[in-house]
N, C-alpha and C. Protein backbone atom coordinates (compact mmCIF):
# COMPACT_ATOMS: atom_id res chain seq x y z
N UNK A 1 -11.92 -1.62 -17.94
CA UNK A 1 -12.07 -3.23 -17.54
C UNK A 1 -11.90 -3.22 -16.05
N UNK A 2 -12.72 -4.03 -15.69
CA UNK A 2 -12.58 -4.00 -13.87
C UNK A 2 -11.61 -5.38 -13.55
N UNK A 3 -11.75 -5.45 -12.13
CA UNK A 3 -10.60 -6.78 -11.94
C UNK A 3 -11.17 -7.84 -12.42
N UNK A 4 -12.23 -8.37 -12.53
CA UNK A 4 -12.45 -9.67 -12.97
C UNK A 4 -11.85 -9.93 -14.38
N UNK A 5 -12.18 -8.87 -15.38
CA UNK A 5 -11.98 -8.81 -16.69
C UNK A 5 -10.35 -8.88 -17.04
N UNK A 6 -9.72 -8.15 -15.92
CA UNK A 6 -8.16 -8.39 -15.79
C UNK A 6 -7.53 -9.51 -15.46
N UNK A 7 -8.18 -10.30 -14.61
CA UNK A 7 -7.67 -11.37 -14.31
C UNK A 7 -7.85 -12.51 -15.08
N UNK A 8 -8.95 -12.31 -15.86
CA UNK A 8 -9.57 -13.46 -16.76
C UNK A 8 -8.38 -13.24 -17.87
N UNK A 9 -8.18 -12.09 -18.30
CA UNK A 9 -7.53 -11.72 -19.51
C UNK A 9 -6.02 -12.12 -19.17
N UNK A 10 -5.39 -12.06 -18.22
CA UNK A 10 -4.11 -12.35 -17.74
C UNK A 10 -3.79 -13.87 -17.74
N UNK A 11 -4.97 -14.61 -17.20
CA UNK A 11 -5.10 -15.89 -17.32
C UNK A 11 -4.99 -17.01 -18.92
N UNK A 12 -5.96 -15.83 -19.42
CA UNK A 12 -5.89 -16.28 -20.84
C UNK A 12 -4.60 -16.00 -21.63
N UNK A 13 -4.28 -14.86 -21.54
CA UNK A 13 -2.57 -14.62 -21.93
C UNK A 13 -1.54 -15.61 -21.81
N UNK A 14 -1.87 -16.10 -20.62
CA UNK A 14 -0.63 -17.25 -19.96
C UNK A 14 -1.02 -18.60 -20.33
N UNK A 15 -2.28 -18.84 -21.32
CA UNK A 15 -2.80 -19.98 -21.82
C UNK A 15 -2.96 -20.97 -20.65
N UNK A 16 -3.65 -20.41 -19.61
CA UNK A 16 -3.82 -21.23 -18.41
C UNK A 16 -5.58 -21.10 -18.68
N UNK A 17 -6.03 -22.48 -18.64
CA UNK A 17 -7.43 -22.84 -18.91
C UNK A 17 -8.45 -22.80 -18.01
N UNK A 18 -8.08 -23.35 -16.91
CA UNK A 18 -9.02 -23.38 -15.61
C UNK A 18 -8.57 -22.48 -14.41
N UNK A 19 -9.46 -22.01 -13.57
CA UNK A 19 -9.16 -21.47 -12.37
C UNK A 19 -8.21 -22.17 -11.52
N UNK A 20 -8.45 -23.66 -11.33
CA UNK A 20 -7.96 -24.51 -10.59
C UNK A 20 -6.36 -24.38 -10.90
N UNK A 21 -6.05 -24.58 -12.51
CA UNK A 21 -4.53 -24.38 -12.78
C UNK A 21 -4.18 -23.19 -12.44
N UNK A 22 -4.93 -22.15 -12.72
CA UNK A 22 -4.15 -20.87 -12.16
C UNK A 22 -3.83 -20.83 -10.80
N UNK A 23 -4.92 -21.31 -10.22
CA UNK A 23 -4.58 -21.07 -8.55
C UNK A 23 -3.47 -22.20 -8.19
N UNK A 24 -3.17 -23.13 -8.61
CA UNK A 24 -2.11 -24.10 -8.50
C UNK A 24 -0.90 -23.60 -8.92
N UNK A 25 -0.72 -22.45 -9.98
CA UNK A 25 0.20 -21.88 -10.32
C UNK A 25 0.60 -20.77 -9.37
N UNK A 26 0.00 -20.16 -8.88
CA UNK A 26 0.06 -19.04 -8.15
C UNK A 26 0.19 -19.50 -6.61
N UNK A 27 -0.44 -20.93 -6.22
CA UNK A 27 -0.18 -21.41 -4.99
C UNK A 27 -0.97 -20.42 -3.88
N UNK A 28 -2.31 -20.65 -4.48
CA UNK A 28 -3.39 -19.98 -3.57
C UNK A 28 -4.72 -20.82 -3.63
N UNK A 29 -5.36 -20.72 -2.99
CA UNK A 29 -6.95 -21.53 -2.95
C UNK A 29 -7.68 -21.01 -4.33
N UNK A 30 -8.16 -22.06 -4.92
CA UNK A 30 -9.12 -21.65 -5.98
C UNK A 30 -9.95 -20.70 -5.95
N UNK A 31 -10.52 -20.89 -4.78
CA UNK A 31 -11.68 -19.74 -4.38
C UNK A 31 -11.65 -18.08 -4.43
N UNK A 32 -10.07 -18.18 -4.22
CA UNK A 32 -9.91 -16.29 -4.16
C UNK A 32 -9.96 -16.18 -5.90
N UNK A 33 -9.42 -17.26 -6.86
CA UNK A 33 -9.66 -16.73 -8.19
C UNK A 33 -11.03 -16.63 -8.65
N UNK A 34 -11.77 -17.65 -8.03
CA UNK A 34 -13.24 -17.48 -8.45
C UNK A 34 -13.80 -16.27 -7.91
N UNK A 35 -13.46 -15.98 -6.72
CA UNK A 35 -14.33 -14.85 -6.27
C UNK A 35 -13.85 -13.58 -7.30
N UNK A 36 -12.52 -13.40 -7.42
CA UNK A 36 -12.32 -12.06 -8.56
C UNK A 36 -12.77 -12.44 -9.71
N UNK A 37 -12.98 -13.49 -10.41
CA UNK A 37 -13.59 -13.62 -11.88
C UNK A 37 -15.05 -13.54 -11.74
N UNK A 38 -15.39 -13.76 -10.56
CA UNK A 38 -16.97 -13.76 -10.59
C UNK A 38 -17.83 -12.28 -10.03
N UNK A 39 -16.50 -11.53 -9.63
CA UNK A 39 -17.03 -10.33 -9.19
C UNK A 39 -17.29 -10.05 -7.80
N UNK A 40 -16.89 -11.24 -6.87
CA UNK A 40 -17.53 -11.00 -5.59
C UNK A 40 -16.45 -10.01 -4.75
N UNK A 41 -15.42 -10.52 -5.36
CA UNK A 41 -14.19 -9.60 -4.75
C UNK A 41 -13.97 -8.70 -5.78
N UNK A 42 -13.77 -7.28 -5.36
CA UNK A 42 -13.98 -6.20 -6.33
C UNK A 42 -12.53 -5.92 -6.82
N UNK A 43 -11.76 -5.97 -5.87
CA UNK A 43 -10.15 -5.59 -6.34
C UNK A 43 -9.20 -6.94 -6.20
N UNK A 44 -8.22 -6.90 -6.97
CA UNK A 44 -7.29 -8.18 -7.25
C UNK A 44 -6.18 -7.73 -5.95
N UNK A 45 -6.15 -8.80 -5.08
CA UNK A 45 -5.21 -8.69 -3.77
C UNK A 45 -4.02 -8.48 -4.35
N UNK A 46 -3.09 -7.71 -3.51
CA UNK A 46 -1.80 -7.47 -3.72
C UNK A 46 -1.10 -8.67 -3.69
N UNK A 47 -1.60 -9.67 -2.86
CA UNK A 47 -0.66 -10.91 -2.42
C UNK A 47 -0.86 -11.81 -4.22
N UNK A 48 -2.00 -11.69 -5.12
CA UNK A 48 -2.17 -12.31 -6.10
C UNK A 48 -1.46 -11.41 -7.35
N UNK A 49 -1.33 -10.28 -7.47
CA UNK A 49 -0.79 -9.48 -8.13
C UNK A 49 0.63 -9.44 -8.01
N UNK A 50 1.23 -9.69 -6.72
CA UNK A 50 2.60 -10.19 -6.47
C UNK A 50 2.91 -11.51 -7.05
N UNK A 51 2.22 -12.43 -6.73
CA UNK A 51 2.53 -13.78 -7.47
C UNK A 51 2.37 -13.87 -8.97
N UNK A 52 1.76 -13.03 -9.54
CA UNK A 52 1.58 -13.34 -11.10
C UNK A 52 2.91 -12.59 -11.43
N UNK A 53 3.60 -11.70 -10.89
CA UNK A 53 4.94 -11.11 -11.39
C UNK A 53 5.79 -12.23 -11.24
N UNK A 54 5.87 -12.90 -10.11
CA UNK A 54 6.79 -13.80 -9.52
C UNK A 54 6.87 -15.16 -11.01
N UNK A 55 5.72 -15.36 -11.16
CA UNK A 55 5.66 -16.46 -12.21
C UNK A 55 5.38 -16.00 -13.61
N UNK A 56 5.49 -14.92 -14.48
CA UNK A 56 5.60 -14.25 -15.53
C UNK A 56 5.73 -12.90 -15.60
N UNK A 57 5.70 -11.98 -16.78
CA UNK A 57 6.10 -11.02 -16.86
C UNK A 57 4.52 -10.12 -17.00
N UNK A 58 3.84 -10.35 -16.31
CA UNK A 58 2.07 -9.55 -16.23
C UNK A 58 2.63 -8.44 -15.09
N UNK A 59 2.21 -7.30 -15.45
CA UNK A 59 2.44 -6.21 -14.71
C UNK A 59 1.51 -6.29 -13.56
N UNK A 60 1.95 -6.47 -12.39
CA UNK A 60 1.16 -6.42 -11.07
C UNK A 60 0.55 -5.27 -10.95
N UNK A 61 0.94 -3.95 -10.93
CA UNK A 61 0.31 -2.70 -11.15
C UNK A 61 -0.99 -2.63 -11.96
N UNK A 62 -0.84 -3.29 -13.27
CA UNK A 62 -2.02 -3.25 -14.25
C UNK A 62 -3.10 -4.37 -13.51
N UNK A 63 -2.59 -5.27 -12.97
CA UNK A 63 -3.80 -6.02 -12.16
C UNK A 63 -4.32 -5.45 -11.18
N UNK A 64 -3.80 -4.61 -10.47
CA UNK A 64 -4.22 -3.98 -9.15
C UNK A 64 -5.09 -2.94 -9.57
N UNK A 65 -4.76 -1.90 -10.50
CA UNK A 65 -5.34 -0.72 -10.94
C UNK A 65 -6.07 -0.52 -12.29
N UNK A 66 -5.42 -1.38 -13.22
CA UNK A 66 -5.96 -1.33 -14.71
C UNK A 66 -4.92 0.10 -15.32
N UNK A 67 -4.21 0.58 -14.73
CA UNK A 67 -3.05 1.51 -15.30
C UNK A 67 -1.94 0.73 -16.01
N UNK A 68 -1.52 1.18 -16.88
CA UNK A 68 -0.27 0.84 -17.34
C UNK A 68 -0.60 -0.07 -18.59
N UNK A 69 0.28 -0.75 -19.10
CA UNK A 69 0.20 -2.09 -19.92
C UNK A 69 0.23 -3.27 -18.94
N UNK A 70 -0.51 -4.59 -20.00
CA UNK A 70 -0.69 -5.64 -19.11
C UNK A 70 0.62 -6.56 -19.00
N UNK A 71 1.62 -6.34 -19.88
CA UNK A 71 2.66 -6.85 -19.42
C UNK A 71 3.96 -5.93 -19.80
N UNK A 72 5.15 -6.52 -19.05
CA UNK A 72 6.11 -5.68 -19.00
C UNK A 72 6.73 -5.80 -20.58
N UNK A 73 7.91 -4.85 -21.11
CA UNK A 73 8.51 -5.39 -21.82
C UNK A 73 9.74 -4.89 -21.72
N UNK A 74 10.72 -4.87 -22.73
CA UNK A 74 12.12 -4.70 -22.11
C UNK A 74 12.70 -3.24 -21.78
N UNK A 75 11.56 -2.66 -21.83
CA UNK A 75 11.87 -1.28 -21.32
C UNK A 75 11.30 -0.85 -20.03
N UNK A 76 10.95 -2.10 -19.11
CA UNK A 76 10.19 -2.12 -18.01
C UNK A 76 10.90 -1.30 -16.77
N UNK A 77 12.19 -1.60 -16.87
CA UNK A 77 13.18 -0.57 -15.74
C UNK A 77 13.52 0.86 -15.89
N UNK A 78 13.18 1.07 -17.14
CA UNK A 78 13.17 2.75 -17.68
C UNK A 78 12.09 3.16 -17.15
N UNK A 79 10.84 2.18 -17.31
CA UNK A 79 9.70 2.97 -17.39
C UNK A 79 8.62 2.66 -16.03
N UNK A 80 9.55 2.26 -15.01
CA UNK A 80 8.86 1.76 -13.83
C UNK A 80 9.97 1.89 -12.71
N UNK A 81 9.31 2.38 -11.65
CA UNK A 81 10.06 2.33 -10.36
C UNK A 81 9.89 0.96 -9.60
N UNK A 82 11.02 0.68 -9.00
CA UNK A 82 11.08 -0.32 -7.98
C UNK A 82 11.03 0.00 -6.65
N UNK A 83 10.11 -0.26 -5.70
CA UNK A 83 9.70 0.21 -4.42
C UNK A 83 10.12 -1.02 -3.59
N UNK A 84 10.42 -0.77 -2.60
CA UNK A 84 10.86 -1.84 -1.42
C UNK A 84 9.09 -1.90 -0.87
N UNK A 85 9.04 -3.11 -0.29
CA UNK A 85 7.74 -3.39 0.67
C UNK A 85 8.51 -3.90 1.78
N UNK A 86 8.27 -3.23 3.10
CA UNK A 86 8.64 -3.36 4.34
C UNK A 86 7.84 -4.31 5.26
N UNK A 87 8.51 -5.21 6.04
CA UNK A 87 7.54 -5.96 6.98
C UNK A 87 7.03 -5.05 8.14
N UNK A 88 7.20 -3.99 8.23
CA UNK A 88 6.47 -3.21 9.32
C UNK A 88 5.01 -2.95 8.65
N UNK A 89 4.35 -3.33 9.47
CA UNK A 89 2.74 -3.22 9.41
C UNK A 89 2.35 -1.91 10.42
N UNK A 90 1.64 -0.78 9.51
CA UNK A 90 1.20 0.40 9.90
C UNK A 90 -0.02 0.20 10.51
N UNK A 91 -0.34 0.66 11.72
CA UNK A 91 -1.77 0.41 12.52
C UNK A 91 -2.42 1.98 12.01
N UNK A 92 -3.85 1.26 11.72
CA UNK A 92 -4.75 2.43 11.43
C UNK A 92 -5.48 2.31 12.68
N UNK A 93 -5.22 2.67 13.76
CA UNK A 93 -5.82 2.06 15.27
C UNK A 93 -4.65 2.28 16.51
N UNK A 94 -4.65 1.59 17.09
CA UNK A 94 -4.30 1.82 18.52
C UNK A 94 -2.51 1.78 18.43
N UNK A 95 -1.91 1.10 17.29
CA UNK A 95 -0.63 1.26 16.84
C UNK A 95 0.29 -0.44 17.09
N UNK A 96 0.80 -0.56 16.15
CA UNK A 96 1.64 -1.85 15.99
C UNK A 96 2.75 -1.74 16.40
N UNK A 97 3.37 -2.47 17.43
CA UNK A 97 4.64 -2.79 17.83
C UNK A 97 5.73 -2.83 16.98
N UNK A 98 6.91 -2.16 16.81
CA UNK A 98 7.57 -2.04 15.77
C UNK A 98 8.76 -2.97 16.27
N UNK A 99 9.32 -3.68 15.18
CA UNK A 99 10.24 -4.85 15.09
C UNK A 99 11.55 -4.37 14.26
N UNK A 100 12.62 -5.31 13.95
CA UNK A 100 13.53 -4.78 13.06
C UNK A 100 12.82 -4.73 11.56
N UNK A 101 13.09 -3.67 10.98
CA UNK A 101 12.75 -3.46 9.72
C UNK A 101 13.25 -4.49 8.57
N UNK A 102 12.80 -5.11 7.60
CA UNK A 102 13.38 -6.00 6.73
C UNK A 102 12.39 -5.58 5.03
N UNK A 103 13.23 -5.66 4.15
CA UNK A 103 12.39 -5.87 2.90
C UNK A 103 11.90 -7.30 2.61
N UNK A 104 10.42 -7.15 2.40
CA UNK A 104 9.94 -8.66 2.05
C UNK A 104 9.52 -8.89 0.77
N UNK A 105 9.29 -7.48 -0.09
CA UNK A 105 8.88 -7.63 -1.69
C UNK A 105 9.32 -6.31 -2.28
N UNK A 106 9.01 -6.57 -3.44
CA UNK A 106 9.06 -5.16 -4.34
C UNK A 106 7.94 -5.03 -5.18
N UNK A 107 7.42 -3.77 -5.54
CA UNK A 107 6.54 -3.17 -5.98
C UNK A 107 7.17 -2.56 -7.58
N UNK A 108 6.67 -3.21 -8.52
CA UNK A 108 7.10 -2.50 -9.78
C UNK A 108 5.72 -1.58 -10.49
N UNK A 109 5.78 -0.25 -10.39
CA UNK A 109 4.82 0.77 -10.62
C UNK A 109 5.65 1.54 -11.87
N UNK A 110 4.30 1.46 -12.66
CA UNK A 110 4.72 2.48 -13.59
C UNK A 110 4.99 3.77 -13.55
N UNK A 111 5.82 4.57 -14.13
CA UNK A 111 5.87 5.98 -13.59
C UNK A 111 4.91 6.94 -14.05
N UNK A 112 4.07 6.54 -14.82
CA UNK A 112 3.07 7.61 -15.29
C UNK A 112 1.81 7.53 -13.99
N UNK A 113 2.01 6.85 -13.17
CA UNK A 113 1.07 6.70 -12.10
C UNK A 113 1.45 8.11 -11.45
N UNK A 114 2.36 8.58 -11.05
CA UNK A 114 2.94 9.67 -10.34
C UNK A 114 3.15 11.06 -11.14
N UNK A 115 2.62 12.12 -10.77
CA UNK A 115 2.67 13.32 -11.11
C UNK A 115 4.17 14.02 -11.51
N UNK A 116 4.86 13.62 -10.06
CA UNK A 116 6.24 13.92 -10.20
C UNK A 116 7.48 12.84 -10.23
N UNK A 117 8.43 13.09 -10.24
CA UNK A 117 9.64 12.10 -10.21
C UNK A 117 9.53 11.48 -8.66
N UNK A 118 9.76 10.32 -8.43
CA UNK A 118 9.99 9.66 -7.00
C UNK A 118 11.12 9.18 -6.76
N UNK A 119 11.66 9.16 -5.56
CA UNK A 119 13.03 8.62 -5.27
C UNK A 119 12.81 7.04 -4.83
N UNK A 120 13.60 6.04 -5.51
CA UNK A 120 13.12 4.99 -5.11
C UNK A 120 13.94 4.60 -3.97
N UNK A 121 14.79 5.23 -3.45
CA UNK A 121 15.27 4.76 -2.22
C UNK A 121 14.74 5.33 -0.92
N UNK A 122 13.66 6.26 -0.95
CA UNK A 122 13.23 6.96 -0.04
C UNK A 122 11.47 6.53 0.08
N UNK A 123 10.96 5.82 -0.94
CA UNK A 123 9.80 5.68 -1.17
C UNK A 123 9.38 4.01 -0.83
N UNK A 124 8.57 3.96 0.32
CA UNK A 124 8.52 2.66 0.72
C UNK A 124 6.95 2.24 1.07
N UNK A 125 6.50 0.92 0.75
CA UNK A 125 5.32 0.56 0.74
C UNK A 125 5.15 -0.16 2.10
N UNK A 126 3.85 0.03 2.97
CA UNK A 126 3.67 -0.33 4.14
C UNK A 126 2.36 -1.11 4.20
N UNK A 127 2.02 -2.24 4.76
CA UNK A 127 0.86 -2.35 4.95
C UNK A 127 -0.03 -2.11 5.99
N UNK A 128 -1.37 -1.67 6.04
CA UNK A 128 -2.09 -1.01 7.09
C UNK A 128 -3.27 -1.95 7.62
N UNK A 129 -3.36 -2.03 8.90
CA UNK A 129 -4.15 -2.57 9.83
C UNK A 129 -4.85 -1.52 10.53
N UNK A 130 -6.33 -2.26 10.82
CA UNK A 130 -7.25 -1.42 11.39
C UNK A 130 -8.10 -0.53 10.69
N UNK A 131 -9.24 0.28 11.37
CA UNK A 131 -10.16 1.05 10.75
C UNK A 131 -10.34 2.34 10.97
N UNK A 132 -9.30 2.93 11.74
CA UNK A 132 -9.27 4.07 12.09
C UNK A 132 -9.04 5.12 11.04
N UNK A 133 -8.76 4.90 9.88
CA UNK A 133 -8.59 5.82 8.71
C UNK A 133 -9.38 5.74 7.68
N UNK A 134 -10.43 4.74 7.88
CA UNK A 134 -11.33 4.43 6.80
C UNK A 134 -12.46 5.87 6.94
N UNK A 135 -13.24 6.28 5.71
CA UNK A 135 -12.93 5.51 4.52
C UNK A 135 -11.59 5.69 3.78
N UNK A 136 -10.93 6.60 4.37
CA UNK A 136 -9.56 6.89 3.09
C UNK A 136 -8.69 6.03 3.00
N UNK A 137 -8.29 4.99 3.98
CA UNK A 137 -7.59 4.12 3.82
C UNK A 137 -8.22 2.73 4.75
N UNK A 138 -8.42 1.75 3.95
CA UNK A 138 -9.00 0.66 4.64
C UNK A 138 -7.86 -0.54 5.42
N UNK A 139 -8.68 -1.44 6.12
CA UNK A 139 -7.83 -2.18 6.83
C UNK A 139 -7.43 -3.28 5.61
N UNK A 140 -5.88 -3.42 5.37
CA UNK A 140 -5.25 -4.34 4.63
C UNK A 140 -4.79 -3.58 3.25
N UNK A 141 -5.20 -2.31 3.32
CA UNK A 141 -4.51 -1.59 2.04
C UNK A 141 -2.99 -1.54 2.35
N UNK A 142 -2.32 -1.23 1.10
CA UNK A 142 -0.79 -0.70 1.18
C UNK A 142 -0.74 0.64 0.87
N UNK A 143 -0.01 1.46 1.79
CA UNK A 143 0.45 2.73 1.36
C UNK A 143 1.67 2.97 1.16
N UNK A 144 2.03 3.75 -0.03
CA UNK A 144 3.46 4.48 0.26
C UNK A 144 3.71 5.54 0.70
N UNK A 145 4.66 5.58 1.47
CA UNK A 145 5.30 6.74 2.30
C UNK A 145 6.59 7.22 1.41
N UNK A 146 6.74 8.54 1.67
CA UNK A 146 8.30 9.25 0.87
C UNK A 146 8.82 9.43 2.45
N UNK A 147 9.98 8.89 2.56
CA UNK A 147 10.92 9.24 4.02
C UNK A 147 11.26 10.68 3.97
N UNK A 148 11.30 11.28 2.88
CA UNK A 148 12.08 12.63 2.41
C UNK A 148 11.01 13.57 3.13
N UNK A 149 9.66 13.31 2.88
CA UNK A 149 8.71 14.09 3.29
C UNK A 149 8.05 14.09 4.62
N UNK A 150 8.94 14.92 5.58
CA UNK A 150 8.75 15.15 7.11
C UNK A 150 8.24 16.46 7.60
N UNK A 151 8.26 17.17 6.41
CA UNK A 151 7.90 18.52 7.10
C UNK A 151 6.77 18.90 7.56
N UNK A 152 6.51 20.34 7.85
CA UNK A 152 5.07 20.22 8.73
C UNK A 152 4.08 21.06 7.65
N UNK A 153 3.67 19.85 6.90
CA UNK A 153 2.79 20.40 5.73
C UNK A 153 1.39 19.10 6.40
N UNK A 154 0.38 19.85 6.44
CA UNK A 154 -1.05 18.95 7.00
C UNK A 154 -1.08 17.55 5.62
N UNK A 155 -1.24 16.48 6.10
CA UNK A 155 -1.76 15.46 5.31
C UNK A 155 -1.47 14.28 6.44
N UNK A 156 -1.37 13.00 5.24
CA UNK A 156 -1.43 11.64 6.45
C UNK A 156 -0.21 10.89 6.16
N UNK A 157 0.15 10.88 7.50
CA UNK A 157 1.51 10.19 7.51
C UNK A 157 1.92 8.85 8.36
N UNK A 158 2.75 8.21 7.89
CA UNK A 158 3.24 7.21 8.84
C UNK A 158 4.30 7.67 10.13
N UNK A 159 4.03 7.43 11.26
CA UNK A 159 4.89 7.80 12.28
C UNK A 159 4.78 6.89 13.23
N UNK A 160 5.59 7.02 14.31
CA UNK A 160 6.04 6.14 15.50
C UNK A 160 5.32 7.05 16.27
N UNK A 161 4.84 6.18 17.27
CA UNK A 161 3.95 7.02 18.33
C UNK A 161 4.20 5.86 19.66
N UNK A 162 4.73 6.54 20.57
CA UNK A 162 5.27 5.23 21.68
C UNK A 162 5.85 4.08 21.21
N UNK A 163 5.68 2.96 21.22
CA UNK A 163 6.30 1.84 20.42
C UNK A 163 5.71 1.18 19.55
N UNK A 164 4.70 2.12 18.69
CA UNK A 164 3.80 1.61 17.73
C UNK A 164 3.85 2.49 16.36
N UNK A 165 3.75 2.03 15.15
CA UNK A 165 3.86 2.36 13.88
C UNK A 165 2.54 2.84 13.80
N UNK A 166 1.94 4.12 13.32
CA UNK A 166 0.72 4.35 13.01
C UNK A 166 0.61 4.97 11.72
N UNK A 167 -0.69 5.16 11.10
CA UNK A 167 -1.00 6.05 9.70
C UNK A 167 -1.96 6.79 10.40
N UNK A 168 -1.82 8.21 10.50
CA UNK A 168 -2.75 9.25 11.12
C UNK A 168 -2.59 10.31 10.41
N UNK A 169 -3.64 11.20 10.20
CA UNK A 169 -3.89 12.85 9.30
C UNK A 169 -3.22 13.73 10.52
N UNK A 170 -2.08 14.13 10.13
CA UNK A 170 -1.55 14.99 10.94
C UNK A 170 -1.67 16.47 10.66
N UNK A 171 -2.22 17.55 11.39
CA UNK A 171 -2.35 18.96 11.45
C UNK A 171 -1.38 19.62 12.35
N UNK A 172 -0.53 20.44 11.57
CA UNK A 172 0.47 20.93 12.26
C UNK A 172 0.26 22.56 12.77
N UNK A 173 0.03 22.84 14.47
CA UNK A 173 -0.49 24.11 14.66
C UNK A 173 0.59 24.97 14.78
N UNK A 174 0.17 26.46 14.81
CA UNK A 174 1.31 27.37 15.04
C UNK A 174 1.63 27.27 16.23
N UNK A 175 1.33 26.86 17.39
CA UNK A 175 1.83 26.72 18.79
C UNK A 175 2.94 25.88 18.64
N UNK A 176 3.03 24.95 17.57
CA UNK A 176 3.87 23.75 17.77
C UNK A 176 3.53 22.42 17.99
N UNK A 177 2.26 22.41 18.42
CA UNK A 177 1.51 20.90 18.69
C UNK A 177 1.22 20.45 17.35
N UNK A 178 0.68 19.15 17.47
CA UNK A 178 0.58 18.71 16.31
C UNK A 178 -1.05 18.05 16.70
N UNK A 179 -1.88 18.16 15.76
CA UNK A 179 -3.11 17.16 16.02
C UNK A 179 -3.02 16.08 15.25
N UNK A 180 -3.38 14.85 15.90
CA UNK A 180 -3.29 13.71 15.56
C UNK A 180 -4.87 13.09 15.33
N UNK A 181 -5.16 13.02 13.76
CA UNK A 181 -6.82 12.83 13.55
C UNK A 181 -6.80 11.45 12.63
N UNK A 182 -7.80 10.83 13.38
CA UNK A 182 -8.27 9.50 12.62
C UNK A 182 -9.54 10.26 11.55
N UNK A 183 -9.38 9.61 10.37
CA UNK A 183 -10.65 10.06 9.37
C UNK A 183 -12.00 9.34 10.05
N UNK A 184 -11.71 8.37 10.36
CA UNK A 184 -13.11 7.85 11.36
C UNK A 184 -13.41 8.07 12.35
N UNK A 185 -14.66 8.95 11.98
CA UNK A 185 -14.88 9.71 13.25
C UNK A 185 -15.47 9.42 14.58
N UNK A 186 -15.32 7.86 14.67
CA UNK A 186 -16.02 7.28 16.00
C UNK A 186 -14.30 7.55 16.76
N UNK A 187 -13.36 7.87 16.20
CA UNK A 187 -11.98 8.10 17.23
C UNK A 187 -11.76 9.39 17.03
N UNK A 188 -11.40 9.66 18.71
CA UNK A 188 -11.37 11.32 18.89
C UNK A 188 -9.78 11.65 18.60
N UNK A 189 -9.83 12.82 18.21
CA UNK A 189 -8.31 13.33 17.90
C UNK A 189 -7.44 13.71 19.13
N UNK A 190 -6.16 13.68 18.75
CA UNK A 190 -5.00 13.62 20.20
C UNK A 190 -4.45 14.95 19.88
N UNK A 191 -3.80 15.35 20.75
CA UNK A 191 -3.11 16.48 20.46
C UNK A 191 -1.44 16.16 21.13
N UNK A 192 -0.58 16.18 20.18
CA UNK A 192 0.82 15.65 20.79
C UNK A 192 1.46 17.10 20.99
N UNK A 193 1.96 17.38 21.98
CA UNK A 193 2.84 18.54 22.40
C UNK A 193 4.48 18.14 22.78
N UNK A 194 5.27 18.52 21.67
CA UNK A 194 6.45 18.08 21.92
C UNK A 194 7.38 18.43 23.02
N UNK A 195 6.74 19.63 24.04
CA UNK A 195 7.55 20.59 25.04
C UNK A 195 6.95 19.91 26.03
N UNK A 196 5.77 18.86 26.19
CA UNK A 196 5.38 18.58 27.43
C UNK A 196 5.04 16.99 27.42
N UNK A 197 4.69 16.13 26.25
CA UNK A 197 4.51 14.86 26.42
C UNK A 197 5.83 14.02 26.37
N UNK A 198 5.74 12.91 27.22
CA UNK A 198 6.70 12.08 27.67
C UNK A 198 6.55 10.70 26.53
N UNK A 199 5.62 10.93 25.57
CA UNK A 199 5.59 9.80 24.57
C UNK A 199 6.39 10.15 23.46
N UNK A 200 7.44 9.04 22.77
CA UNK A 200 8.18 9.35 21.75
C UNK A 200 7.46 9.35 20.58
N UNK A 201 7.54 10.19 19.55
CA UNK A 201 7.01 10.79 18.49
C UNK A 201 7.82 10.92 17.54
N UNK A 202 7.75 9.97 16.35
CA UNK A 202 8.61 10.56 15.33
C UNK A 202 8.00 10.36 13.98
N UNK A 203 8.22 11.30 13.05
CA UNK A 203 7.35 11.08 11.90
C UNK A 203 8.32 10.13 10.65
N UNK A 204 7.73 9.15 10.27
CA UNK A 204 8.38 8.24 8.99
C UNK A 204 8.43 8.87 7.78
N UNK A 205 7.17 9.29 7.28
CA UNK A 205 7.14 9.82 5.93
C UNK A 205 5.66 10.07 5.60
N UNK A 206 5.41 10.70 4.42
CA UNK A 206 4.11 11.33 4.23
C UNK A 206 3.70 10.18 3.15
N UNK A 207 2.29 9.84 3.05
CA UNK A 207 1.75 9.28 2.32
C UNK A 207 1.65 9.67 0.83
N UNK A 208 1.87 9.03 -0.35
CA UNK A 208 1.89 9.52 -1.37
C UNK A 208 1.12 8.95 -2.39
N UNK A 209 0.86 7.56 -1.73
CA UNK A 209 -0.25 6.81 -2.57
C UNK A 209 -0.68 5.56 -1.90
N UNK A 210 -1.74 5.25 -2.02
CA UNK A 210 -2.69 3.94 -1.48
C UNK A 210 -3.21 3.03 -2.42
N UNK A 211 -2.94 1.49 -2.33
CA UNK A 211 -3.32 0.68 -2.92
C UNK A 211 -4.22 -0.10 -2.21
N UNK A 212 -5.44 -0.41 -2.66
CA UNK A 212 -6.85 -1.12 -2.10
C UNK A 212 -6.40 -2.73 -2.09
N UNK A 213 -6.83 -3.19 -0.90
CA UNK A 213 -6.43 -4.51 -0.99
C UNK A 213 -7.21 -5.53 -1.72
């Protein structure tokens, strides 16, 4: 079942007969609903999925991915993780200046999505801006990072470089340097040397999941 079928099914389940009525309920433009139901928009935006959860017991994760059940039952707290969404936007580009971090939303995600148990306290969601990690991570996608995973294992990380939060692929070299890689080949890799660099560098956490916008 693709996105257009899922949102139609959710609308019908809620006994909402028209796209305009659903748009009014979600407080979004009707065109956003129409674009999803027509197939012009291939994925349900996170904004729409979140608003569904606010007005009903429709499973936002099911709307986003098609995984799990359409609706939450009484066991949802036991069967799902509650993850914080932070106001920090992580740049897949030149970096976005960091500000005071606050929790702006919650994602409720079925535990079956993950191969291993997750820690709700250390797993956070961030929104990504920029194209430097395409096609792996696109502009507007959300990523989950595990703040416990900051060991020297090659992978995609959210990190602070200078005064900006970035999402990059990190390669840890035997000489102690770190190769900072953009998956988009039009961006050149960089080398961070902790012994010589004057730039502040800190790993926030490793990416464990991404959600397309």
